[in-house]
Amino acid sequence: MPSPLVECIPNFSEARRSEVVEAIVAAIAAAGVTVLDRHSDSDHNRTVVTYVGSPGAVEEAAFQGVRKAAELINLDKHTGTHPRIGATDVVPFVPLSEVRMEDCVAMARRLGERVGRELNLPVYLYEEAATQPARVNLENIRRGQYEGLKVEIETHPERKPDFGPSRLGTAGATIIGARHPLIAYNVYLDTGDVAIAKAIAKAIRQSSGGLPCVKALGMLVDGKAQVSMNLTNFRQTPVYRAVEAIRREAARYGVSVHHSELVGLIPQEALIDSAVWYLQLDGFNADQVLEQRLYAAAAISGPATGISFLDDLAAATPTPGGGSAAAHAGAMGAALVAMVARLTIGKKKYAAVEAQMNEILNQVERLRRELTAAVDEDAQAFEGVLAAFKLPKATPEQEKVRAEAIEKATLQAAQVPLAVAEKSVSVMALAERAVALGNLNAISDGASAAAMAHAALTSAGYNVRTNVNSLADKDAGEPLLSKLHTLEGKAVKLEKNIQKSIQERGGFSLA
């Protein structure tokens, strides 16, 4: 069964300072999500980041992005052609796989409450998460932009935010919601007359009686008039229909389409629909796309996650082996600690330990990424040993080169699992804290995290010892063994502390 997957596409009011954009993206990625795309437009002075992940990771990543943007962006100094009311202007959640729209609405409301409470920022809920009919449409909330809202939020009751204070600081306000997939698409005209772009935008947008599910603005970008669009349902109004409507309207003013651009990502279906329409393909079937057949074939053999790794592990090949399995087990332990942290954060009962749980979450997600990467690193290290053994040895000189290469590769093959062992003990230490402080309902998951990490340590230790034993220079392996002994001793103490916390908190009987 596919894993739950949510997409998030936050828009930040910055594109001209690359260091600020990098810091925001790094904060998002650190939460354990996959960043798929970023699009920065200096005229708009706006960056759109697209990332995906599990619901919990996506929600946490959104919070970290909002927090970092609030630290680094001052809207009193911000200029750009795109309407905005906040440093993080809008944060939409989009359900992709095994997630309902209702789940994304709940995510939006939880995030909104947390941003208002922890960051002291005004938050408005929109689209499917809106609490008022007038706030379903983004344009209504953005009315007056940052400068207008700064006054109205304190004087107009209808501008009172859903969460947070009724006043704006330099980070402005944030709009958070849940919606269906959206295509952000801009069409440039071969004129610099922005009035024409505005007239065309008015003609095609739904709010003015134009095409359904189309939002459009006219603006000047790079010296050309631009019709900037959001297609909120590409099945009702396909991309090609919107473009052709612009082309027809432009002809009325004696201008034409110069080029267009995509902001962020687009569903493959939308591109195929446009290709079929423009090429006038008769009887076309999506299965005729080569990549579709390849994806289908890959799906039959199993997803490229845990199942494929276990198949590779079970194969009659030397890699991946025990060292990779150790790293995989350590990563699973880290994932369980992250789960406990996320099940604790945001709960009123555990408000006193929320800061500590956030710290645990940040540290363990970093360890999870590093241990996941170590799965391949261990396999590559052992393949290096195998490659060294295949070097020629016909002459004394070749024999010497081969022996040195084997020694170097073997030492590396011992160092990689030692690093896994060290990270696994760090996971155990975070599991200890999670068991002692975290949600009592997840105490067994915290204990399981420690058990997985301890198993990773044991497995990694076997690989350290066997490679050290193969070294010709035994002295080179002594520091590695000494460090391993220290880690194993620390793990024993951590396990005892975890069992003690379980008994003290009355989680379950260890008898």
Protein backbone atom coordinates (compact mmCIF):
# COMPACT_ATOMS: atom_id res chain seq x y z
CA MET A 1 0.00 0.00 0.00
CA PRO A 2 1.36 3.49 -0.86
CA SER A 3 2.53 5.64 2.03
CA PRO A 4 0.52 8.75 2.96
CA LEU A 5 1.90 11.62 0.92
CA VAL A 6 1.16 15.35 1.10
CA GLU A 7 2.45 18.15 -1.10
CA CYS A 8 3.12 21.65 0.21
CA ILE A 9 3.86 24.71 -1.92
CA PRO A 10 4.73 27.65 0.36
CA ASN A 11 5.28 31.06 -1.24
CA PHE A 12 7.90 33.34 0.33
CA SER A 13 8.27 37.07 -0.28
CA GLU A 14 11.94 36.94 -1.27
CA ALA A 15 13.84 36.11 -4.45
CA ARG A 16 16.61 38.69 -4.71
CA ARG A 17 18.71 37.53 -1.74
CA SER A 18 19.80 33.99 -2.56
CA GLU A 19 21.24 33.42 0.91
CA VAL A 20 17.81 34.03 2.46
CA VAL A 21 16.12 31.65 0.03
CA GLU A 22 18.76 28.99 0.73
CA ALA A 23 18.27 29.33 4.49
CA ILE A 24 14.50 28.91 4.16
CA VAL A 25 14.82 25.87 1.89
CA ALA A 26 17.39 24.33 4.25
CA ALA A 27 15.01 24.79 7.19
CA ILE A 28 12.27 23.02 5.24
CA ALA A 29 14.49 20.15 4.11
CA ALA A 30 15.77 19.59 7.66
CA ALA A 31 12.31 18.40 8.70
CA GLY A 32 12.74 15.23 6.64
CA VAL A 33 10.76 16.09 3.50
CA THR A 34 11.78 15.89 -0.16
CA VAL A 35 12.18 19.27 -1.84
CA LEU A 36 11.10 18.82 -5.45
CA ASP A 37 11.41 22.33 -6.82
CA ARG A 38 12.02 25.99 -6.10
CA HIS A 39 11.16 28.88 -8.39
CA SER A 40 12.41 32.41 -7.69
CA ASP A 41 11.26 35.45 -9.67
CA SER A 42 13.17 38.66 -8.94
CA ASP A 43 10.49 40.91 -10.46
CA HIS A 44 7.81 39.31 -8.32
CA ASN A 45 10.42 39.11 -5.53
CA ARG A 46 8.85 35.82 -4.59
CA THR A 47 10.02 32.22 -4.25
CA VAL A 48 7.78 29.18 -4.55
CA VAL A 49 9.06 25.97 -2.94
CA THR A 50 7.48 22.58 -3.68
CA TYR A 51 8.08 19.65 -1.37
CA VAL A 52 6.43 16.35 -0.43
CA GLY A 53 6.53 13.95 2.47
CA SER A 54 4.51 12.25 5.16
CA PRO A 55 1.79 14.45 6.71
CA GLY A 56 3.69 14.95 9.97
CA ALA A 57 6.98 15.82 8.27
CA VAL A 58 5.28 18.17 5.79
CA GLU A 59 3.49 20.02 8.59
CA GLU A 60 6.70 20.41 10.61
CA ALA A 61 8.62 21.56 7.52
CA ALA A 62 5.99 24.22 6.88
CA PHE A 63 6.36 25.56 10.41
CA GLN A 64 10.15 25.68 10.15
CA GLY A 65 9.91 27.50 6.81
CA VAL A 66 7.49 30.08 8.25
CA ARG A 67 9.73 30.60 11.26
CA LYS A 68 12.90 31.08 9.21
CA ALA A 69 11.16 33.48 6.80
CA ALA A 70 9.87 35.54 9.72
CA GLU A 71 13.43 35.84 11.01
CA LEU A 72 14.96 36.92 7.70
CA ILE A 73 12.33 38.89 5.75
CA ASN A 74 11.23 42.44 6.62
CA LEU A 75 8.18 43.44 4.59
CA ASP A 76 8.73 47.11 5.39
CA LYS A 77 11.71 46.82 3.02
CA HIS A 78 10.09 44.48 0.50
CA THR A 79 9.09 45.49 -3.03
CA GLY A 80 7.80 43.32 -5.86
CA THR A 81 5.05 43.06 -8.44
CA HIS A 82 3.25 40.10 -6.85
CA PRO A 83 0.57 40.82 -4.21
CA ARG A 84 1.59 39.71 -0.69
CA ILE A 85 0.71 40.18 2.97
CA GLY A 86 3.47 38.15 4.62
CA ALA A 87 7.07 37.01 4.62
CA THR A 88 5.54 33.57 4.18
CA ASP A 89 2.62 34.69 2.11
CA VAL A 90 0.69 31.47 1.60
CA VAL A 91 1.08 27.83 2.68
CA PRO A 92 -1.22 25.36 0.88
CA PHE A 93 -1.39 21.64 1.67
CA VAL A 94 -2.41 19.31 -1.18
CA PRO A 95 -3.40 15.65 -0.64
CA LEU A 96 -1.52 13.29 -2.99
CA SER A 97 -1.68 9.68 -1.79
CA GLU A 98 -3.60 7.92 0.99
CA VAL A 99 -4.52 11.32 2.44
CA ARG A 100 -7.95 12.96 2.40
CA MET A 101 -8.68 16.64 1.93
CA GLU A 102 -10.06 16.59 5.47
CA ASP A 103 -6.62 15.54 6.71
CA CYS A 104 -5.00 18.50 4.95
CA VAL A 105 -7.62 20.84 6.42
CA ALA A 106 -6.73 19.55 9.88
CA MET A 107 -3.02 20.08 9.12
CA ALA A 108 -3.71 23.67 8.02
CA ARG A 109 -5.64 24.47 11.19
CA ARG A 110 -3.05 22.88 13.47
CA LEU A 111 -0.26 24.74 11.74
CA GLY A 112 -2.21 28.00 11.85
CA GLU A 113 -2.79 27.71 15.58
CA ARG A 114 0.88 26.88 16.20
CA VAL A 115 2.19 29.74 14.05
CA GLY A 116 -0.11 32.18 15.81
CA ARG A 117 0.84 30.90 19.25
CA GLU A 118 4.59 30.27 18.92
CA LEU A 119 5.59 32.85 16.32
CA ASN A 120 3.02 35.50 17.23
CA LEU A 121 2.00 35.94 13.59
CA PRO A 122 -1.54 36.60 12.35
CA VAL A 123 -2.86 33.62 10.38
CA TYR A 124 -5.76 33.47 7.93
CA LEU A 125 -7.23 30.15 6.76
CA TYR A 126 -8.27 29.85 3.10
CA GLU A 127 -9.70 27.53 0.43
CA GLU A 128 -10.91 24.20 1.92
CA ALA A 129 -9.66 25.19 5.40
CA ALA A 130 -11.46 28.57 5.44
CA THR A 131 -13.65 29.29 8.45
CA GLN A 132 -15.53 32.09 6.67
CA PRO A 133 -17.01 32.09 3.13
CA ALA A 134 -15.30 35.41 2.36
CA ARG A 135 -11.90 33.82 3.02
CA VAL A 136 -12.18 30.91 0.62
CA ASN A 137 -10.62 33.03 -2.12
CA LEU A 138 -7.02 34.10 -1.59
CA GLU A 139 -7.61 37.45 -3.29
CA ASN A 140 -10.08 38.53 -0.62
CA ILE A 141 -7.57 37.95 2.16
CA ARG A 142 -4.78 39.73 0.25
CA ARG A 143 -6.91 42.83 -0.38
CA GLY A 144 -4.84 45.93 0.31
CA GLN A 145 -1.67 43.82 0.61
CA TYR A 146 0.70 44.15 3.56
CA GLU A 147 0.49 47.94 3.70
CA GLY A 148 -3.32 48.02 3.73
CA LEU A 149 -3.73 45.12 6.12
CA LYS A 150 -1.34 46.76 8.57
CA VAL A 151 -4.00 49.38 9.24
CA GLU A 152 -7.19 47.37 8.70
CA ILE A 153 -6.25 44.41 10.90
CA GLU A 154 -6.44 46.73 13.92
CA THR A 155 -9.49 48.72 12.86
CA HIS A 156 -11.79 46.42 10.85
CA PRO A 157 -13.36 43.48 12.75
CA GLU A 158 -13.78 41.51 9.50
CA ARG A 159 -9.98 41.50 9.07
CA LYS A 160 -9.40 39.80 12.42
CA PRO A 161 -7.18 36.75 11.81
CA ASP A 162 -8.19 33.17 12.57
CA PHE A 163 -5.15 32.77 14.83
CA GLY A 164 -2.53 35.07 16.30
CA PRO A 165 -2.58 38.79 17.14
CA SER A 166 -4.62 41.47 15.39
CA ARG A 167 -1.54 43.47 14.49
CA LEU A 168 1.26 43.14 11.97
CA GLY A 169 4.98 43.03 12.60
CA THR A 170 7.59 43.20 9.88
CA ALA A 171 6.92 39.55 8.93
CA GLY A 172 3.30 40.40 8.14
CA ALA A 173 0.60 37.73 8.19
CA THR A 174 0.47 34.21 6.77
CA ILE A 175 -2.33 32.51 4.82
CA ILE A 176 -2.60 28.76 5.38
CA GLY A 177 -4.99 26.33 3.76
CA ALA A 178 -5.74 23.11 1.91
CA ARG A 179 -6.55 22.82 -1.77
CA HIS A 180 -6.55 20.63 -4.85
CA PRO A 181 -3.54 20.63 -7.25
CA LEU A 182 -2.98 24.05 -8.82
CA ILE A 183 -1.01 25.07 -11.88
CA ALA A 184 0.77 28.43 -11.71
CA TYR A 185 1.31 29.56 -15.28
CA ASN A 186 2.38 32.91 -16.75
CA VAL A 187 1.91 34.08 -20.34
CA TYR A 188 4.07 36.95 -21.68
CA LEU A 189 2.83 39.23 -24.46
CA ASP A 190 4.99 40.92 -27.11
CA THR A 191 4.17 44.33 -25.68
CA GLY A 192 5.14 46.38 -22.69
CA ASP A 193 1.62 47.79 -22.30
CA VAL A 194 0.52 46.40 -18.94
CA ALA A 195 -3.00 47.76 -19.49
CA ILE A 196 -3.50 45.11 -22.19
CA ALA A 197 -2.38 42.35 -19.82
CA LYS A 198 -4.80 43.63 -17.17
CA ALA A 199 -7.66 43.73 -19.65
CA ILE A 200 -6.96 40.18 -20.80
CA ALA A 201 -6.68 38.95 -17.21
CA LYS A 202 -10.06 40.48 -16.43
CA ALA A 203 -11.59 38.81 -19.49
CA ILE A 204 -10.39 35.29 -18.69
CA ARG A 205 -10.62 35.06 -14.88
CA GLN A 206 -13.66 33.41 -13.32
CA SER A 207 -14.40 36.28 -10.91
CA SER A 208 -15.00 38.57 -13.89
CA GLY A 209 -17.17 36.09 -15.78
CA GLY A 210 -14.37 34.35 -17.66
CA LEU A 211 -13.12 30.77 -17.55
CA PRO A 212 -14.00 28.55 -14.58
CA CYS A 213 -11.26 27.82 -12.05
CA VAL A 214 -8.97 30.52 -13.47
CA LYS A 215 -7.44 33.32 -11.42
CA ALA A 216 -5.52 35.94 -13.36
CA LEU A 217 -3.66 39.21 -12.93
CA GLY A 218 -2.01 41.54 -15.42
CA MET A 219 1.45 42.89 -14.55
CA LEU A 220 4.72 44.11 -16.07
CA VAL A 221 7.67 41.70 -15.82
CA ASP A 222 11.05 42.08 -17.56
CA GLY A 223 9.63 44.88 -19.68
CA LYS A 224 6.82 42.71 -21.04
CA ALA A 225 3.14 42.59 -20.18
CA GLN A 226 2.39 39.35 -18.35
CA VAL A 227 -0.86 37.53 -17.66
CA SER A 228 -0.17 35.63 -14.45
CA MET A 229 -2.57 32.75 -13.83
CA ASN A 230 -3.47 30.15 -11.24
CA LEU A 231 -5.49 27.27 -12.71
CA THR A 232 -7.21 25.79 -9.67
CA ASN A 233 -8.76 22.84 -11.52
CA PHE A 234 -6.98 21.96 -14.78
CA ARG A 235 -9.63 19.36 -15.62
CA GLN A 236 -12.32 22.03 -15.82
CA THR A 237 -10.13 24.56 -17.62
CA PRO A 238 -7.09 22.89 -19.22
CA VAL A 239 -3.88 24.82 -19.77
CA TYR A 240 -4.32 24.89 -23.53
CA ARG A 241 -7.79 26.43 -23.24
CA ALA A 242 -6.51 29.23 -21.00
CA VAL A 243 -3.60 29.93 -23.38
CA GLU A 244 -5.84 29.99 -26.43
CA ALA A 245 -8.25 32.34 -24.66
CA ILE A 246 -5.34 34.70 -23.98
CA ARG A 247 -4.19 34.40 -27.60
CA ARG A 248 -7.65 35.36 -28.91
CA GLU A 249 -8.01 38.28 -26.50
CA ALA A 250 -4.49 39.49 -27.33
CA ALA A 251 -5.32 39.53 -31.05
CA ARG A 252 -8.09 42.03 -30.35
CA TYR A 253 -5.39 44.46 -29.17
CA GLY A 254 -3.04 43.72 -32.04
CA VAL A 255 -0.52 41.79 -29.91
CA SER A 256 0.40 38.12 -29.58
CA VAL A 257 1.86 35.62 -27.12
CA HIS A 258 5.64 35.99 -26.83
CA HIS A 259 6.31 33.03 -24.50
CA SER A 260 5.02 31.39 -21.35
CA GLU A 261 6.48 29.96 -18.17
CA LEU A 262 5.56 27.41 -15.55
CA VAL A 263 5.97 28.29 -11.86
CA GLY A 264 6.70 25.20 -9.80
CA LEU A 265 5.46 21.79 -10.90
CA ILE A 266 2.63 20.59 -13.11
CA PRO A 267 0.73 17.27 -13.17
CA GLN A 268 1.78 15.10 -16.10
CA GLU A 269 -1.87 14.70 -17.07
CA ALA A 270 -2.15 18.44 -17.76
CA LEU A 271 0.81 18.36 -20.16
CA ILE A 272 -0.48 15.26 -21.94
CA ASP A 273 -3.89 16.90 -22.37
CA SER A 274 -2.27 19.94 -23.97
CA ALA A 275 -0.08 17.81 -26.25
CA VAL A 276 -3.05 15.76 -27.40
CA TRP A 277 -5.09 18.90 -28.12
CA TYR A 278 -2.37 20.77 -30.01
CA LEU A 279 -1.21 17.71 -31.95
CA GLN A 280 -4.81 16.66 -32.65
CA LEU A 281 -4.01 13.08 -31.70
CA ASP A 282 -6.93 10.77 -32.40
CA GLY A 283 -7.57 7.80 -30.14
CA PHE A 284 -4.57 8.58 -27.91
CA ASN A 285 -4.13 6.55 -24.73
CA ALA A 286 -1.84 7.57 -21.86
CA ASP A 287 -0.32 4.08 -21.93
CA GLN A 288 1.34 5.08 -25.20
CA VAL A 289 3.73 7.30 -23.24
CA LEU A 290 7.00 5.42 -22.78
CA GLU A 291 7.52 6.60 -19.22
CA GLN A 292 4.02 5.46 -18.25
CA ARG A 293 4.89 1.91 -19.29
CA LEU A 294 8.19 2.08 -17.39
CA TYR A 295 6.48 3.31 -14.22
CA ALA A 296 3.89 0.56 -14.52
CA ALA A 297 6.62 -2.06 -14.89
CA ALA A 298 8.44 -0.67 -11.86
CA ALA A 299 5.24 -0.77 -9.83
CA ILE A 300 4.79 -4.47 -10.61
CA SER A 301 8.23 -5.26 -9.20
CA GLY A 302 7.46 -3.32 -6.00
CA PRO A 303 8.02 0.22 -4.78
CA ALA A 304 11.58 1.46 -4.48
CA THR A 305 11.37 1.64 -0.69
CA GLY A 306 11.54 -1.03 2.00
CA ILE A 307 10.38 -3.89 -0.25
CA SER A 308 13.02 -3.39 -2.95
CA PHE A 309 15.74 -2.99 -0.30
CA LEU A 310 14.73 -6.27 1.32
CA ASP A 311 14.74 -7.95 -2.10
CA ASP A 312 18.26 -6.62 -2.70
CA LEU A 313 19.30 -7.76 0.77
CA ALA A 314 17.98 -11.28 0.11
CA ALA A 315 19.69 -11.58 -3.28
CA ALA A 316 22.74 -13.78 -3.87
CA THR A 317 25.08 -10.79 -4.01
CA PRO A 318 27.63 -9.59 -1.44
CA THR A 319 26.05 -6.13 -1.27
CA PRO A 320 23.98 -4.81 0.36
CA GLY A 321 24.87 -6.84 3.42
CA GLY A 322 24.94 -6.64 7.20
CA GLY A 323 26.40 -3.15 7.30
CA SER A 324 23.65 -1.76 5.08
CA ALA A 325 21.05 -3.61 7.15
CA ALA A 326 22.51 -1.99 10.28
CA ALA A 327 22.15 1.47 8.77
CA HIS A 328 18.59 0.68 7.67
CA ALA A 329 17.68 -0.48 11.18
CA GLY A 330 19.21 2.66 12.67
CA ALA A 331 17.19 4.82 10.27
CA MET A 332 14.01 2.99 11.31
CA GLY A 333 14.85 3.65 14.95
CA ALA A 334 15.31 7.34 14.15
CA ALA A 335 11.98 7.41 12.29
CA LEU A 336 10.22 6.00 15.36
CA VAL A 337 11.75 8.68 17.60
CA ALA A 338 10.53 11.30 15.11
CA MET A 339 7.07 9.74 15.30
CA VAL A 340 7.00 10.01 19.10
CA ALA A 341 8.14 13.63 18.92
CA ARG A 342 5.43 14.53 16.40
CA LEU A 343 2.77 12.76 18.48
CA THR A 344 3.85 14.91 21.43
CA ILE A 345 4.31 18.32 19.79
CA GLY A 346 1.14 20.39 19.78
CA LYS A 347 -0.57 18.44 22.58
CA LYS A 348 -1.70 20.66 25.47
CA LYS A 349 -0.86 17.94 27.98
CA TYR A 350 2.80 18.09 26.90
CA ALA A 351 3.15 21.83 26.35
CA ALA A 352 5.87 22.04 29.01
CA VAL A 353 8.19 19.76 27.03
CA GLU A 354 7.34 20.98 23.51
CA ALA A 355 10.59 22.90 23.05
CA GLN A 356 12.58 19.83 24.05
CA MET A 357 10.57 17.61 21.71
CA ASN A 358 11.17 20.02 18.84
CA GLU A 359 14.89 19.83 19.55
CA ILE A 360 14.71 16.01 19.60
CA LEU A 361 12.80 16.04 16.30
CA ASN A 362 15.36 18.24 14.54
CA GLN A 363 18.29 16.12 15.73
CA VAL A 364 16.72 12.76 14.96
CA GLU A 365 15.62 13.76 11.47
CA ARG A 366 19.21 14.70 10.67
CA LEU A 367 20.34 11.29 11.96
CA ARG A 368 17.64 9.56 9.92
CA ARG A 369 18.90 11.18 6.73
CA GLU A 370 22.52 10.29 7.52
CA LEU A 371 21.70 6.67 8.39
CA THR A 372 19.60 6.30 5.25
CA ALA A 373 22.52 7.55 3.18
CA ALA A 374 24.80 5.08 5.00
CA VAL A 375 22.84 2.15 3.52
CA ASP A 376 24.47 2.85 0.16
CA GLU A 377 27.72 4.08 1.69
CA ASP A 378 28.31 0.73 3.38
CA ALA A 379 27.60 -1.19 0.18
CA GLN A 380 29.97 1.09 -1.75
CA ALA A 381 32.69 0.65 0.86
CA PHE A 382 32.55 -3.14 0.62
CA GLU A 383 32.47 -3.01 -3.17
CA GLY A 384 35.69 -1.02 -2.87
CA VAL A 385 37.23 -3.96 -1.01
CA LEU A 386 36.07 -6.36 -3.71
CA ALA A 387 37.50 -4.09 -6.40
CA ALA A 388 40.86 -3.95 -4.59
CA PHE A 389 41.05 -7.76 -4.49
CA LYS A 390 40.54 -7.82 -8.28
CA LEU A 391 43.63 -5.69 -8.95
CA PRO A 392 46.46 -7.44 -10.84
CA LYS A 393 49.20 -9.15 -8.82
CA ALA A 394 51.48 -10.56 -11.52
CA THR A 395 54.57 -8.58 -10.42
CA PRO A 396 55.97 -7.61 -6.99
CA GLU A 397 55.09 -3.99 -7.74
CA GLN A 398 51.50 -4.89 -8.64
CA GLU A 399 51.29 -7.05 -5.54
CA LYS A 400 52.37 -4.12 -3.38
CA VAL A 401 49.86 -1.73 -4.97
CA ARG A 402 47.12 -4.34 -4.56
CA ALA A 403 47.96 -4.96 -0.89
CA GLU A 404 47.93 -1.24 -0.10
CA ALA A 405 44.61 -0.81 -1.89
CA ILE A 406 43.07 -3.73 0.01
CA GLU A 407 44.31 -2.33 3.34
CA LYS A 408 42.94 1.14 2.59
CA ALA A 409 39.57 -0.18 1.36
CA THR A 410 39.23 -2.52 4.34
CA LEU A 411 39.91 0.30 6.79
CA GLN A 412 37.22 2.37 5.04
CA ALA A 413 34.86 -0.62 5.22
CA ALA A 414 35.39 -0.64 8.99
CA GLN A 415 34.99 3.11 9.43
CA VAL A 416 31.59 3.30 7.71
CA PRO A 417 29.82 0.85 10.08
CA LEU A 418 31.59 2.49 13.02
CA ALA A 419 29.96 5.78 12.00
CA VAL A 420 26.63 3.93 11.81
CA ALA A 421 27.24 2.56 15.31
CA GLU A 422 27.93 6.04 16.64
CA LYS A 423 24.80 7.50 15.02
CA SER A 424 22.71 4.58 16.29
CA VAL A 425 23.77 5.28 19.86
CA SER A 426 22.82 8.92 19.31
CA VAL A 427 19.39 7.68 18.20
CA MET A 428 19.19 5.63 21.41
CA ALA A 429 20.01 8.73 23.46
CA LEU A 430 17.19 10.65 21.76
CA ALA A 431 14.87 7.65 22.24
CA GLU A 432 15.72 7.75 25.94
CA ARG A 433 14.57 11.38 26.12
CA ALA A 434 11.48 10.66 24.04
CA VAL A 435 10.46 7.81 26.35
CA ALA A 436 11.03 9.97 29.43
CA LEU A 437 9.24 13.08 28.13
CA GLY A 438 7.04 12.15 25.20
CA ASN A 439 3.43 11.17 24.67
CA LEU A 440 2.69 8.25 27.00
CA ASN A 441 0.51 6.66 24.35
CA ALA A 442 3.61 6.28 22.17
CA ILE A 443 6.00 5.06 24.88
CA SER A 444 6.23 1.59 23.30
CA ASP A 445 7.21 3.22 20.00
CA GLY A 446 10.01 5.07 21.78
CA ALA A 447 11.18 1.83 23.35
CA SER A 448 11.00 0.13 19.94
CA ALA A 449 13.10 2.94 18.50
CA ALA A 450 15.79 2.24 21.08
CA ALA A 451 15.61 -1.49 20.35
CA MET A 452 16.03 -0.91 16.62
CA ALA A 453 18.96 1.44 17.22
CA HIS A 454 20.57 -1.06 19.60
CA ALA A 455 20.20 -3.78 16.97
CA ALA A 456 21.82 -1.43 14.47
CA LEU A 457 24.72 -0.90 16.85
CA THR A 458 25.18 -4.65 17.33
CA SER A 459 25.04 -5.37 13.59
CA ALA A 460 27.37 -2.49 12.77
CA GLY A 461 29.74 -3.73 15.48
CA TYR A 462 30.01 -7.15 13.83
CA ASN A 463 31.00 -5.43 10.58
CA VAL A 464 33.58 -3.23 12.30
CA ARG A 465 35.18 -6.26 13.98
CA THR A 466 35.31 -8.44 10.87
CA ASN A 467 36.94 -5.71 8.81
CA VAL A 468 39.41 -4.75 11.56
CA ASN A 469 40.32 -8.42 11.86
CA SER A 470 41.17 -8.43 8.13
CA LEU A 471 43.64 -5.55 8.45
CA ALA A 472 47.31 -6.40 8.11
CA ASP A 473 48.15 -3.47 10.40
CA LYS A 474 46.33 -4.42 13.60
CA ASP A 475 47.39 -1.17 15.28
CA ALA A 476 45.31 0.78 12.74
CA GLY A 477 42.19 -1.01 13.91
CA GLU A 478 42.69 -0.57 17.66
CA PRO A 479 41.22 2.98 17.88
CA LEU A 480 38.14 1.78 16.03
CA LEU A 481 37.62 -1.15 18.40
CA SER A 482 38.20 1.08 21.44
CA LYS A 483 35.53 3.52 20.23
CA LEU A 484 33.14 0.64 19.53
CA HIS A 485 33.57 -0.69 23.10
CA THR A 486 32.77 2.75 24.48
CA LEU A 487 29.63 3.00 22.35
CA GLU A 488 28.46 -0.46 23.42
CA GLY A 489 28.89 0.47 27.07
CA LYS A 490 26.91 3.66 26.60
CA ALA A 491 24.13 1.71 24.86
CA VAL A 492 23.77 -0.66 27.82
CA LYS A 493 23.30 2.30 30.18
CA LEU A 494 20.79 3.95 27.85
CA GLU A 495 18.76 0.76 27.65
CA LYS A 496 18.59 0.54 31.43
CA ASN A 497 17.50 4.16 31.67
CA ILE A 498 14.76 3.56 29.11
CA GLN A 499 13.44 0.56 31.03
CA LYS A 500 13.48 2.63 34.21
CA SER A 501 11.49 5.45 32.55
CA ILE A 502 8.93 2.94 31.28
CA GLN A 503 8.42 1.57 34.79
CA GLU A 504 8.27 5.02 36.39
CA ARG A 505 5.73 6.32 33.88
CA GLY A 506 3.65 3.15 34.09
CA GLY A 507 3.80 2.54 30.38
CA PHE A 508 3.69 -1.28 30.48
CA SER A 509 5.09 -4.15 32.47
CA LEU A 510 8.56 -5.43 31.63
CA ALA A 511 7.99 -8.71 33.51
